[in-house]
Amino acid sequence: MKRNLLPAALCLICALLLIGCGSTAPAAAPSPAVSASPVETEAPAPAASPAPAAETPEPSTEPEPSAEPAARLPDADLVRDTATAPSPSEALFELAKSYVDKPLSELQAEIGEPVSSSYVSSCLIPGGEDGELHYDGFTVYTVKSSDAETVQDVIAD
């Protein structure tokens, strides 16, 4: 009988810990889809053609020198598609995600201080704190112990 109570007691304790340490992190919002369809623009109206001259000169075999130099198109590698380019806050969000499980100090050295932050007692680390650091467009979740603060998750707002 005592053997049957031990697993049941452990399950009950685990369930209570999970309920007591419930997450207050908001669910990740789906990011809006970016359309890569081209934008249609109107072509300029063609210029009126001049009236034909009375006498037409014989065509020359030499090409006429152009008054304007030929327009040079930029290299395709240098042209940036603004429809698919990430916004500054999206770029910072992606950078912040790369710092999960790393010290918060390293992340802050890269992207700066948050707009606001708040801390509560941690239910995972005795004497520790769980942190929410709000940046423009995303929130960084941390766990602070006596010796370090570590990035746990990054969620888009």
C-alpha atoms as a PDB file:
ATOM      1  CA  MET A   1       0.000   0.000   0.000  1.00  0.00           C
ATOM      2  CA  LYS A   2       2.870   2.399   0.808  1.00  0.00           C
ATOM      3  CA  ARG A   3       4.405   1.736  -2.611  1.00  0.00           C
ATOM      4  CA  ASN A   4       1.237   2.901  -4.372  1.00  0.00           C
ATOM      5  CA  LEU A   5       1.085   6.162  -2.380  1.00  0.00           C
ATOM      6  CA  LEU A   6       4.602   7.344  -3.289  1.00  0.00           C
ATOM      7  CA  PRO A   7       4.024   7.706  -7.084  1.00  0.00           C
ATOM      8  CA  ALA A   8       0.629   9.292  -6.483  1.00  0.00           C
ATOM      9  CA  ALA A   9       2.134  11.781  -4.011  1.00  0.00           C
ATOM     10  CA  LEU A  10       4.925  12.685  -6.466  1.00  0.00           C
ATOM     11  CA  CYS A  11       2.415  13.257  -9.257  1.00  0.00           C
ATOM     12  CA  LEU A  12       0.302  15.461  -6.978  1.00  0.00           C
ATOM     13  CA  ILE A  13       3.336  17.535  -5.941  1.00  0.00           C
ATOM     14  CA  CYS A  14       4.395  17.997  -9.592  1.00  0.00           C
ATOM     15  CA  ALA A  15       0.882  19.052 -10.568  1.00  0.00           C
ATOM     16  CA  LEU A  16       0.742  21.595  -7.741  1.00  0.00           C
ATOM     17  CA  LEU A  17       4.128  23.033  -8.735  1.00  0.00           C
ATOM     18  CA  LEU A  18       3.015  23.433 -12.332  1.00  0.00           C
ATOM     19  CA  ILE A  19      -0.218  25.116 -11.296  1.00  0.00           C
ATOM     20  CA  GLY A  20       1.520  27.364  -8.755  1.00  0.00           C
ATOM     21  CA  CYS A  21       4.221  28.447 -11.216  1.00  0.00           C
ATOM     22  CA  GLY A  22       1.833  29.129 -14.076  1.00  0.00           C
ATOM     23  CA  SER A  23       3.238  31.183 -16.890  1.00  0.00           C
ATOM     24  CA  THR A  24       2.157  34.773 -17.321  1.00  0.00           C
ATOM     25  CA  ALA A  25       3.823  34.996 -20.745  1.00  0.00           C
ATOM     26  CA  PRO A  26       1.447  36.087 -23.504  1.00  0.00           C
ATOM     27  CA  ALA A  27       0.850  33.729 -26.391  1.00  0.00           C
ATOM     28  CA  ALA A  28       2.906  34.506 -29.459  1.00  0.00           C
ATOM     29  CA  ALA A  29       0.885  36.467 -31.964  1.00  0.00           C
ATOM     30  CA  PRO A  30       1.130  35.329 -35.560  1.00  0.00           C
ATOM     31  CA  SER A  31       3.221  37.689 -37.607  1.00  0.00           C
ATOM     32  CA  PRO A  32       1.530  39.361 -40.556  1.00  0.00           C
ATOM     33  CA  ALA A  33       2.332  37.893 -43.946  1.00  0.00           C
ATOM     34  CA  VAL A  34       4.501  40.005 -46.188  1.00  0.00           C
ATOM     35  CA  SER A  35       3.342  40.296 -49.783  1.00  0.00           C
ATOM     36  CA  ALA A  36       6.032  40.130 -52.396  1.00  0.00           C
ATOM     37  CA  SER A  37       3.750  41.045 -55.305  1.00  0.00           C
ATOM     38  CA  PRO A  38       5.012  43.902 -57.480  1.00  0.00           C
ATOM     39  CA  VAL A  39       3.350  47.281 -57.301  1.00  0.00           C
ATOM     40  CA  GLU A  40       1.835  48.408 -60.593  1.00  0.00           C
ATOM     41  CA  THR A  41       2.747  51.874 -61.818  1.00  0.00           C
ATOM     42  CA  GLU A  42       1.511  53.819 -64.794  1.00  0.00           C
ATOM     43  CA  ALA A  43       3.884  54.200 -67.708  1.00  0.00           C
ATOM     44  CA  PRO A  44       4.374  57.749 -69.020  1.00  0.00           C
ATOM     45  CA  ALA A  45       2.280  58.643 -72.039  1.00  0.00           C
ATOM     46  CA  PRO A  46       4.190  58.400 -75.336  1.00  0.00           C
ATOM     47  CA  ALA A  47       5.212  61.724 -76.856  1.00  0.00           C
ATOM     48  CA  ALA A  48       3.440  62.830 -79.998  1.00  0.00           C
ATOM     49  CA  SER A  49       5.440  61.957 -83.080  1.00  0.00           C
ATOM     50  CA  PRO A  50       6.492  64.868 -85.289  1.00  0.00           C
ATOM     51  CA  ALA A  51       4.875  65.297 -88.695  1.00  0.00           C
ATOM     52  CA  PRO A  52       6.857  63.683 -91.513  1.00  0.00           C
ATOM     53  CA  ALA A  53       9.184  66.027 -93.368  1.00  0.00           C
ATOM     54  CA  ALA A  54       8.682  66.804 -97.021  1.00  0.00           C
ATOM     55  CA  GLU A  55      12.014  65.317 -97.987  1.00  0.00           C
ATOM     56  CA  THR A  56      13.432  62.284 -96.277  1.00  0.00           C
ATOM     57  CA  PRO A  57      17.206  62.063 -96.254  1.00  0.00           C
ATOM     58  CA  GLU A  58      18.891  58.828 -97.180  1.00  0.00           C
ATOM     59  CA  PRO A  59      19.533  56.620 -94.153  1.00  0.00           C
ATOM     60  CA  SER A  60      23.075  56.747 -92.893  1.00  0.00           C
ATOM     61  CA  THR A  61      25.051  53.599 -92.267  1.00  0.00           C
ATOM     62  CA  GLU A  62      26.888  55.178 -89.342  1.00  0.00           C
ATOM     63  CA  PRO A  63      25.147  55.217 -85.975  1.00  0.00           C
ATOM     64  CA  GLU A  64      24.213  58.637 -84.714  1.00  0.00           C
ATOM     65  CA  PRO A  65      25.949  59.774 -81.549  1.00  0.00           C
ATOM     66  CA  SER A  66      23.565  59.880 -78.649  1.00  0.00           C
ATOM     67  CA  ALA A  67      23.066  63.187 -76.890  1.00  0.00           C
ATOM     68  CA  GLU A  68      22.483  61.393 -73.573  1.00  0.00           C
ATOM     69  CA  PRO A  69      24.662  58.630 -72.149  1.00  0.00           C
ATOM     70  CA  ALA A  70      22.972  55.253 -71.805  1.00  0.00           C
ATOM     71  CA  ALA A  71      21.300  54.815 -68.447  1.00  0.00           C
ATOM     72  CA  ARG A  72      23.130  52.325 -66.267  1.00  0.00           C
ATOM     73  CA  LEU A  73      20.986  49.950 -64.278  1.00  0.00           C
ATOM     74  CA  PRO A  74      22.106  49.115 -60.726  1.00  0.00           C
ATOM     75  CA  ASP A  75      23.458  45.651 -60.038  1.00  0.00           C
ATOM     76  CA  ALA A  76      20.772  43.224 -58.928  1.00  0.00           C
ATOM     77  CA  ASP A  77      22.824  42.387 -55.822  1.00  0.00           C
ATOM     78  CA  LEU A  78      22.706  45.999 -54.702  1.00  0.00           C
ATOM     79  CA  VAL A  79      18.985  46.510 -55.174  1.00  0.00           C
ATOM     80  CA  ARG A  80      17.117  45.886 -51.950  1.00  0.00           C
ATOM     81  CA  ASP A  81      13.523  44.702 -52.054  1.00  0.00           C
ATOM     82  CA  THR A  82      11.764  46.911 -49.527  1.00  0.00           C
ATOM     83  CA  ALA A  83       8.692  44.663 -49.474  1.00  0.00           C
ATOM     84  CA  THR A  84      10.650  41.822 -47.887  1.00  0.00           C
ATOM     85  CA  ALA A  85      13.204  43.818 -45.875  1.00  0.00           C
ATOM     86  CA  PRO A  86      12.634  43.422 -42.120  1.00  0.00           C
ATOM     87  CA  SER A  87      11.727  46.479 -40.090  1.00  0.00           C
ATOM     88  CA  PRO A  88      14.231  47.592 -37.439  1.00  0.00           C
ATOM     89  CA  SER A  89      12.132  46.092 -34.619  1.00  0.00           C
ATOM     90  CA  GLU A  90      11.834  42.761 -36.512  1.00  0.00           C
ATOM     91  CA  ALA A  91      15.598  42.699 -36.986  1.00  0.00           C
ATOM     92  CA  LEU A  92      16.118  43.351 -33.252  1.00  0.00           C
ATOM     93  CA  PHE A  93      13.556  40.632 -32.434  1.00  0.00           C
ATOM     94  CA  GLU A  94      15.466  38.083 -34.537  1.00  0.00           C
ATOM     95  CA  LEU A  95      18.742  39.170 -32.918  1.00  0.00           C
ATOM     96  CA  ALA A  96      17.226  38.887 -29.418  1.00  0.00           C
ATOM     97  CA  LYS A  97      15.974  35.349 -30.171  1.00  0.00           C
ATOM     98  CA  SER A  98      19.581  34.321 -30.824  1.00  0.00           C
ATOM     99  CA  TYR A  99      20.432  35.200 -27.194  1.00  0.00           C
ATOM    100  CA  VAL A 100      18.100  32.622 -25.546  1.00  0.00           C
ATOM    101  CA  ASP A 101      20.039  30.743 -22.809  1.00  0.00           C
ATOM    102  CA  LYS A 102      22.743  33.439 -22.835  1.00  0.00           C
ATOM    103  CA  PRO A 103      23.462  36.225 -20.319  1.00  0.00           C
ATOM    104  CA  LEU A 104      21.135  39.225 -20.525  1.00  0.00           C
ATOM    105  CA  SER A 105      24.141  41.546 -20.304  1.00  0.00           C
ATOM    106  CA  GLU A 106      25.332  40.316 -23.725  1.00  0.00           C
ATOM    107  CA  LEU A 107      21.917  40.978 -25.277  1.00  0.00           C
ATOM    108  CA  GLN A 108      21.711  44.467 -23.762  1.00  0.00           C
ATOM    109  CA  ALA A 109      25.193  45.249 -25.080  1.00  0.00           C
ATOM    110  CA  GLU A 110      23.833  44.514 -28.585  1.00  0.00           C
ATOM    111  CA  ILE A 111      20.351  46.091 -28.527  1.00  0.00           C
ATOM    112  CA  GLY A 112      20.378  48.455 -25.550  1.00  0.00           C
ATOM    113  CA  GLU A 113      18.142  48.909 -22.545  1.00  0.00           C
ATOM    114  CA  PRO A 114      14.429  47.965 -22.600  1.00  0.00           C
ATOM    115  CA  VAL A 115      11.583  50.478 -22.701  1.00  0.00           C
ATOM    116  CA  SER A 116      10.359  49.040 -19.379  1.00  0.00           C
ATOM    117  CA  SER A 117      10.919  46.018 -17.159  1.00  0.00           C
ATOM    118  CA  SER A 118       9.346  44.226 -14.209  1.00  0.00           C
ATOM    119  CA  TYR A 119      10.430  41.409 -11.909  1.00  0.00           C
ATOM    120  CA  VAL A 120       8.586  38.933  -9.648  1.00  0.00           C
ATOM    121  CA  SER A 121       9.824  36.210  -7.318  1.00  0.00           C
ATOM    122  CA  SER A 122      10.803  33.119  -9.259  1.00  0.00           C
ATOM    123  CA  CYS A 123       9.073  29.827  -8.581  1.00  0.00           C
ATOM    124  CA  LEU A 124      11.928  27.986 -10.307  1.00  0.00           C
ATOM    125  CA  ILE A 125      14.959  29.416  -8.497  1.00  0.00           C
ATOM    126  CA  PRO A 126      14.764  29.949  -4.722  1.00  0.00           C
ATOM    127  CA  GLY A 127      15.646  33.587  -4.063  1.00  0.00           C
ATOM    128  CA  GLY A 128      15.664  34.327  -7.799  1.00  0.00           C
ATOM    129  CA  GLU A 129      13.456  36.556  -9.923  1.00  0.00           C
ATOM    130  CA  ASP A 130      11.599  36.173 -13.213  1.00  0.00           C
ATOM    131  CA  GLY A 131      11.919  39.238 -15.429  1.00  0.00           C
ATOM    132  CA  GLU A 132       9.900  40.772 -18.272  1.00  0.00           C
ATOM    133  CA  LEU A 133      11.834  43.308 -20.326  1.00  0.00           C
ATOM    134  CA  HIS A 134       9.722  45.189 -22.862  1.00  0.00           C
ATOM    135  CA  TYR A 135      11.295  46.391 -26.096  1.00  0.00           C
ATOM    136  CA  ASP A 136       9.593  47.954 -29.116  1.00  0.00           C
ATOM    137  CA  GLY A 137       7.731  45.027 -30.734  1.00  0.00           C
ATOM    138  CA  PHE A 138       8.808  42.183 -28.438  1.00  0.00           C
ATOM    139  CA  THR A 139       9.312  41.074 -24.812  1.00  0.00           C
ATOM    140  CA  VAL A 140      12.359  39.328 -23.360  1.00  0.00           C
ATOM    141  CA  TYR A 141      11.743  36.904 -20.470  1.00  0.00           C
ATOM    142  CA  THR A 142      14.621  36.272 -18.056  1.00  0.00           C
ATOM    143  CA  VAL A 143      15.531  34.394 -14.880  1.00  0.00           C
ATOM    144  CA  LYS A 144      17.783  36.236 -12.453  1.00  0.00           C
ATOM    145  CA  SER A 145      19.794  34.322  -9.853  1.00  0.00           C
ATOM    146  CA  SER A 146      22.254  35.708  -7.328  1.00  0.00           C
ATOM    147  CA  ASP A 147      25.111  35.585  -9.853  1.00  0.00           C
ATOM    148  CA  ALA A 148      23.570  36.114 -13.327  1.00  0.00           C
ATOM    149  CA  GLU A 149      20.477  36.934 -15.359  1.00  0.00           C
ATOM    150  CA  THR A 150      19.764  34.624 -18.306  1.00  0.00           C
ATOM    151  CA  VAL A 151      17.449  35.145 -21.295  1.00  0.00           C
ATOM    152  CA  GLN A 152      14.765  32.426 -21.221  1.00  0.00           C
ATOM    153  CA  ASP A 153      12.485  33.409 -24.104  1.00  0.00           C
ATOM    154  CA  VAL A 154      11.707  36.201 -26.583  1.00  0.00           C
ATOM    155  CA  ILE A 155       8.099  36.726 -27.686  1.00  0.00           C
ATOM    156  CA  ALA A 156       6.795  39.132 -30.358  1.00  0.00           C
ATOM    157  CA  ASP A 157       4.136  41.582 -29.160  1.00  0.00           C
END
